[in-house]
Amino acid sequence: MKVPLFHLGYTLDSGQVFRWSLNGGWWEGVVGNRSLQLRQEGDELVARGDWDEGFLRRYFRLDDDLEAIYRDISRDECIAAVIDRFRGMRLIRQEVWECSASYLLASYANVPRIKMMIEAVCRTHGTRLRDGRYAFPTPDELAEGGDIASCRLGYRAEWLRRYARAVRDGEFDLDLLRTMDYEGAVRYLKTVKGIGDKVADCIALFSLDHLQACPVDVRIARAMRERYGVTGSYKKVSEHARRHFGRYAGYAQEYLYIAEDRARKQELSTGSQGTRTPAPLPRCASRRP
């Protein structure tokens, strides 16, 4: 299928999702109960496994007008430079249950640890698929089944099981959550034990289409401090980013996130032959009043 203005590698390797890995030139992953393999050849996306074009277009937000989003968020030289280097990275539209349960586990953990925890949960509680991989477990499967202690989740185990039971029993209503505006969704999500400001923003951005959400982790806090001179509480930094970048602040956040990866920062500051290039991320002033 044709995928103009899309970069599969940047998209899947940007900390948004945790069940993908690169193996022999193919990105292999499980989304819900779909097991699939993807690779990109120019502007063609080649897929194997349980997929259809509608699913992939929705999942990778190929309906987003990325050029229009770039024009909207390119409000300073810093973000414009990052966009130029990582063009084609898209936000991923995730299913709300899997996204929220995954990010509940992501609290105070790095990406490799998050991936290990989620894989353990899927192997212990999820349905085994035909290719030997495991589906992401449903709320029913997580609420009672399996030995969650064996997944080595630490204190997160009780958070996850309690959340699964609340969803199963209707105490936390995912359908209601989908109807809420950004502020209402964040407030409702934070009623769940283990979901704070950052996790709520991640869920809002990655599964509820609230593209103004701006999760602030260590990388984003560093970028906002070093490039924009903004420091302070989570609320102050996130609100400043939303004001500065506007209705697509979540896209700007994700581009800053991928640029703040230390390995990629090294690539950005070194030319292909090892020669130094100008600093790619200058301290920034807004282009707009």
Protein backbone atom coordinates (compact mmCIF):
# COMPACT_ATOMS: atom_id res chain seq x y z
CA MET A 1 0.00 0.00 0.00
CA LYS A 2 1.11 3.56 -0.73
CA VAL A 3 2.20 5.56 2.30
CA PRO A 4 3.38 9.04 1.26
CA LEU A 5 5.07 11.15 3.93
CA PHE A 6 5.53 8.24 6.32
CA HIS A 7 8.61 6.82 8.03
CA LEU A 8 7.90 3.42 9.55
CA GLY A 9 11.11 3.20 11.59
CA TYR A 10 10.84 6.62 13.20
CA THR A 11 7.17 5.98 13.98
CA LEU A 12 7.60 2.59 15.64
CA ASP A 13 10.84 3.50 17.42
CA SER A 14 9.65 6.69 19.09
CA GLY A 15 8.49 5.40 22.48
CA GLN A 16 4.80 5.37 21.63
CA VAL A 17 4.23 1.60 21.48
CA PHE A 18 6.02 -1.30 23.14
CA ARG A 19 5.27 -4.51 21.23
CA TRP A 20 7.33 -3.93 18.09
CA SER A 21 10.87 -5.05 17.27
CA LEU A 22 13.07 -4.93 14.18
CA ASN A 23 14.17 -8.34 12.92
CA GLY A 24 15.91 -8.93 9.59
CA GLY A 25 14.56 -5.77 8.02
CA TRP A 26 10.98 -6.44 9.15
CA TRP A 27 9.18 -4.73 12.01
CA GLU A 28 7.38 -7.51 13.91
CA GLY A 29 4.63 -6.76 16.36
CA VAL A 30 1.30 -7.56 17.92
CA VAL A 31 -1.54 -5.04 18.07
CA GLY A 32 -4.39 -6.31 20.21
CA ASN A 33 -4.89 -9.80 18.79
CA ARG A 34 -3.29 -9.07 15.40
CA SER A 35 0.20 -10.39 14.71
CA LEU A 36 1.91 -8.76 11.76
CA GLN A 37 5.17 -7.89 10.05
CA LEU A 38 5.88 -4.64 8.25
CA ARG A 39 8.64 -3.17 6.14
CA GLN A 40 8.90 0.00 4.09
CA GLU A 41 10.23 0.21 0.55
CA GLY A 42 10.20 3.87 -0.48
CA ASP A 43 6.60 5.02 -0.27
CA GLU A 44 5.29 1.45 -0.22
CA LEU A 45 4.37 -0.31 3.02
CA VAL A 46 4.67 -4.09 2.71
CA ALA A 47 2.71 -6.11 5.25
CA ARG A 48 2.40 -9.77 6.23
CA GLY A 49 0.10 -11.39 8.76
CA ASP A 50 -3.28 -10.30 10.14
CA TRP A 51 -3.85 -6.91 8.55
CA ASP A 52 -6.00 -4.90 6.20
CA GLU A 53 -5.47 -1.49 4.66
CA GLY A 54 -8.16 0.21 6.74
CA PHE A 55 -6.57 -1.03 9.96
CA LEU A 56 -3.10 0.19 9.00
CA ARG A 57 -4.37 3.58 7.83
CA ARG A 58 -6.17 4.11 11.11
CA TYR A 59 -3.36 2.75 13.29
CA PHE A 60 -0.68 4.92 11.69
CA ARG A 61 -2.95 7.97 11.38
CA LEU A 62 -2.43 8.11 7.63
CA ASP A 63 -5.58 10.25 7.56
CA ASP A 64 -3.66 13.09 9.28
CA ASP A 65 -2.58 15.89 6.94
CA LEU A 66 1.03 15.87 8.10
CA GLU A 67 2.12 18.80 5.92
CA ALA A 68 -0.63 20.97 7.43
CA ILE A 69 0.40 19.84 10.92
CA TYR A 70 4.03 20.71 10.17
CA ARG A 71 3.02 24.20 9.07
CA ASP A 72 0.96 24.66 12.22
CA ILE A 73 3.59 23.55 14.75
CA SER A 74 6.68 25.00 13.03
CA ARG A 75 6.60 28.06 15.25
CA ASP A 76 10.34 28.33 15.87
CA GLU A 77 13.63 27.25 14.32
CA CYS A 78 14.13 24.45 16.83
CA ILE A 79 11.03 22.43 16.04
CA ALA A 80 11.38 23.21 12.32
CA ALA A 81 14.90 21.69 12.37
CA VAL A 82 13.68 18.57 14.16
CA ILE A 83 10.81 18.10 11.71
CA ASP A 84 13.22 18.39 8.78
CA ARG A 85 15.33 15.54 10.19
CA PHE A 86 12.53 13.20 11.19
CA ARG A 87 9.97 13.86 8.48
CA GLY A 88 7.33 11.19 8.20
CA MET A 89 7.12 10.19 11.83
CA ARG A 90 3.45 9.92 12.74
CA LEU A 91 1.56 9.51 15.96
CA ILE A 92 0.04 6.05 16.38
CA ARG A 93 -3.68 5.73 17.07
CA GLN A 94 -3.95 2.98 19.68
CA GLU A 95 -6.93 1.16 21.13
CA VAL A 96 -7.78 2.76 24.46
CA TRP A 97 -7.77 -0.36 26.67
CA GLU A 98 -4.39 -1.64 25.49
CA CYS A 99 -2.89 1.85 25.52
CA SER A 100 -4.11 2.72 29.02
CA ALA A 101 -3.09 -0.63 30.54
CA SER A 102 0.33 -0.42 28.87
CA TYR A 103 1.01 3.11 30.06
CA LEU A 104 -0.11 2.17 33.56
CA LEU A 105 2.85 -0.23 33.53
CA ALA A 106 5.10 2.46 32.04
CA SER A 107 5.18 4.56 35.21
CA TYR A 108 8.76 5.09 36.41
CA ALA A 109 10.26 2.60 33.94
CA ASN A 110 12.43 2.86 30.84
CA VAL A 111 11.35 1.48 27.46
CA PRO A 112 13.25 -1.88 27.66
CA ARG A 113 11.73 -2.55 31.08
CA ILE A 114 8.26 -1.58 29.87
CA LYS A 115 8.57 -3.96 26.92
CA MET A 116 9.62 -6.84 29.19
CA MET A 117 6.72 -6.24 31.59
CA ILE A 118 4.13 -6.04 28.83
CA GLU A 119 5.45 -9.17 27.13
CA ALA A 120 5.31 -11.04 30.45
CA VAL A 121 1.71 -9.92 31.00
CA CYS A 122 0.72 -11.02 27.49
CA ARG A 123 2.39 -14.41 27.82
CA THR A 124 0.82 -15.05 31.22
CA HIS A 125 -2.69 -13.74 30.54
CA GLY A 126 -3.17 -13.27 26.80
CA THR A 127 -4.48 -15.68 24.18
CA ARG A 128 -1.83 -17.57 22.21
CA LEU A 129 -2.00 -16.69 18.52
CA ARG A 130 -1.40 -19.02 15.58
CA ASP A 131 2.20 -17.85 15.10
CA GLY A 132 3.08 -18.46 18.74
CA ARG A 133 2.85 -14.86 19.86
CA TYR A 134 0.35 -13.62 22.40
CA ALA A 135 -2.53 -11.18 22.17
CA PHE A 136 -2.81 -8.31 24.61
CA PRO A 137 -5.08 -9.61 27.39
CA THR A 138 -8.63 -8.36 27.77
CA PRO A 139 -9.85 -6.81 31.04
CA ASP A 140 -11.58 -10.12 31.83
CA GLU A 141 -8.39 -12.11 31.29
CA LEU A 142 -6.36 -9.74 33.48
CA ALA A 143 -8.93 -9.32 36.21
CA GLU A 144 -8.77 -12.87 37.55
CA GLY A 145 -6.68 -15.21 35.45
CA GLY A 146 -3.04 -16.19 35.70
CA ASP A 147 -0.31 -15.47 38.20
CA ILE A 148 0.33 -11.77 37.82
CA ALA A 149 3.07 -11.88 40.46
CA SER A 150 5.20 -13.98 38.10
CA CYS A 151 5.28 -11.05 35.63
CA ARG A 152 7.62 -9.13 37.96
CA LEU A 153 5.65 -5.91 37.79
CA GLY A 154 6.35 -4.89 41.36
CA TYR A 155 3.82 -2.45 42.80
CA ARG A 156 2.32 -2.05 39.31
CA ALA A 157 0.76 -5.53 39.53
CA GLU A 158 -1.93 -4.41 41.94
CA TRP A 159 -2.54 -1.23 39.93
CA LEU A 160 -3.06 -3.25 36.75
CA ARG A 161 -5.33 -5.89 38.26
CA ARG A 162 -7.42 -3.25 40.04
CA TYR A 163 -7.77 -1.29 36.80
CA ALA A 164 -8.74 -4.40 34.82
CA ARG A 165 -11.44 -5.24 37.35
CA ALA A 166 -12.77 -1.66 37.28
CA VAL A 167 -13.04 -1.78 33.48
CA ARG A 168 -14.58 -5.26 33.51
CA ASP A 169 -17.17 -4.28 36.11
CA GLY A 170 -18.03 -0.95 34.49
CA GLU A 171 -16.69 1.10 37.38
CA PHE A 172 -14.32 2.74 34.90
CA ASP A 173 -16.21 3.31 31.65
CA LEU A 174 -14.01 3.30 28.54
CA ASP A 175 -16.95 4.20 26.32
CA LEU A 176 -17.64 7.25 28.46
CA LEU A 177 -13.94 8.15 28.39
CA ARG A 178 -13.99 8.19 24.58
CA THR A 179 -16.73 10.86 24.58
CA MET A 180 -14.91 13.31 26.88
CA ASP A 181 -12.98 16.41 25.91
CA TYR A 182 -9.28 16.63 26.73
CA GLU A 183 -9.61 18.15 30.20
CA GLY A 184 -12.43 15.81 31.19
CA ALA A 185 -10.59 12.73 29.93
CA VAL A 186 -7.45 13.61 31.90
CA ARG A 187 -9.46 14.19 35.08
CA TYR A 188 -11.29 10.89 34.67
CA LEU A 189 -8.13 8.93 33.91
CA LYS A 190 -6.46 10.30 37.04
CA THR A 191 -9.14 8.67 39.20
CA VAL A 192 -7.36 5.37 38.43
CA LYS A 193 -4.68 4.35 40.93
CA GLY A 194 -1.30 4.67 39.22
CA ILE A 195 -2.36 7.15 36.53
CA GLY A 196 -0.93 10.62 37.07
CA ASP A 197 -0.45 13.66 34.85
CA LYS A 198 2.05 12.16 32.39
CA VAL A 199 0.34 8.79 31.94
CA ALA A 200 -3.05 10.49 31.51
CA ASP A 201 -1.57 12.75 28.83
CA CYS A 202 -0.01 9.77 27.04
CA ILE A 203 -3.35 7.95 26.96
CA ALA A 204 -5.17 11.10 25.82
CA LEU A 205 -2.68 11.65 23.01
CA PHE A 206 -2.10 8.12 21.80
CA SER A 207 -5.60 6.63 22.07
CA LEU A 208 -8.21 9.40 22.44
CA ASP A 209 -7.29 11.74 19.55
CA HIS A 210 -6.53 14.66 21.88
CA LEU A 211 -3.63 15.93 19.81
CA GLN A 212 -3.10 18.96 22.04
CA ALA A 213 -1.96 16.71 24.90
CA CYS A 214 1.73 17.15 25.72
CA PRO A 215 3.20 14.45 27.97
CA VAL A 216 6.29 15.70 29.81
CA ASP A 217 8.95 13.15 30.72
CA VAL A 218 12.67 13.61 31.35
CA ARG A 219 13.42 14.15 27.66
CA ILE A 220 10.70 16.73 27.10
CA ALA A 221 11.53 18.54 30.32
CA ARG A 222 15.16 18.73 29.13
CA ALA A 223 14.19 19.98 25.68
CA MET A 224 11.86 22.61 27.08
CA ARG A 225 14.52 23.76 29.53
CA GLU A 226 17.50 23.77 27.20
CA ARG A 227 15.78 24.93 24.01
CA TYR A 228 12.93 27.08 25.27
CA GLY A 229 14.09 28.18 28.72
CA VAL A 230 10.97 26.75 30.38
CA THR A 231 11.29 25.10 33.79
CA GLY A 232 8.98 24.33 36.67
CA SER A 233 6.20 21.93 37.49
CA TYR A 234 4.72 19.38 35.12
CA LYS A 235 1.66 21.61 34.72
CA LYS A 236 3.71 24.70 33.89
CA VAL A 237 5.88 22.99 31.27
CA SER A 238 2.99 21.11 29.64
CA GLU A 239 0.74 24.17 29.51
CA HIS A 240 3.52 26.29 28.03
CA ALA A 241 4.08 23.68 25.30
CA ARG A 242 0.36 23.54 24.51
CA ARG A 243 0.17 27.32 24.25
CA HIS A 244 3.32 27.55 22.14
CA PHE A 245 2.65 24.67 19.73
CA GLY A 246 -1.13 24.89 19.64
CA ARG A 247 -3.71 22.26 18.78
CA TYR A 248 -1.08 19.77 17.55
CA ALA A 249 1.25 20.11 20.53
CA GLY A 250 1.31 16.32 20.85
CA TYR A 251 2.97 16.03 17.47
CA ALA A 252 5.58 18.64 18.41
CA GLN A 253 6.19 16.77 21.66
CA GLU A 254 6.83 13.50 19.85
CA TYR A 255 9.31 15.11 17.45
CA LEU A 256 11.19 16.66 20.38
CA TYR A 257 11.10 13.29 22.15
CA ILE A 258 12.72 11.41 19.28
CA ALA A 259 15.31 14.19 18.80
CA GLU A 260 16.25 14.01 22.50
CA ASP A 261 17.24 10.35 22.22
CA ARG A 262 20.95 10.46 23.03
CA ALA A 263 21.99 8.20 20.14
CA ARG A 264 20.01 10.29 17.69
CA LYS A 265 21.37 13.54 19.14
CA GLN A 266 24.84 12.20 18.37
CA GLU A 267 23.76 11.44 14.81
CA LEU A 268 22.30 14.92 14.45
CA SER A 269 25.50 16.60 15.59
CA THR A 270 27.79 14.50 13.34
CA GLY A 271 27.81 14.38 9.56
CA SER A 272 27.71 11.10 7.66
CA GLN A 273 31.51 11.15 7.25
CA GLY A 274 32.13 12.05 10.87
CA THR A 275 32.44 15.80 10.24
CA ARG A 276 30.76 18.19 12.60
CA THR A 277 27.68 20.06 11.45
CA PRO A 278 26.03 23.10 13.00
CA ALA A 279 24.17 22.45 16.26
CA PRO A 280 20.80 21.12 15.09
CA LEU A 281 18.70 22.32 18.00
CA PRO A 282 19.39 25.98 18.81
CA ARG A 283 17.88 27.74 21.77
CA CYS A 284 14.61 28.89 20.28
CA ALA A 285 12.46 31.94 20.15
CA SER A 286 8.95 31.83 18.77
CA ARG A 287 8.42 32.79 15.14
CA ARG A 288 4.94 34.03 15.98
CA PRO A 289 3.79 36.78 18.33
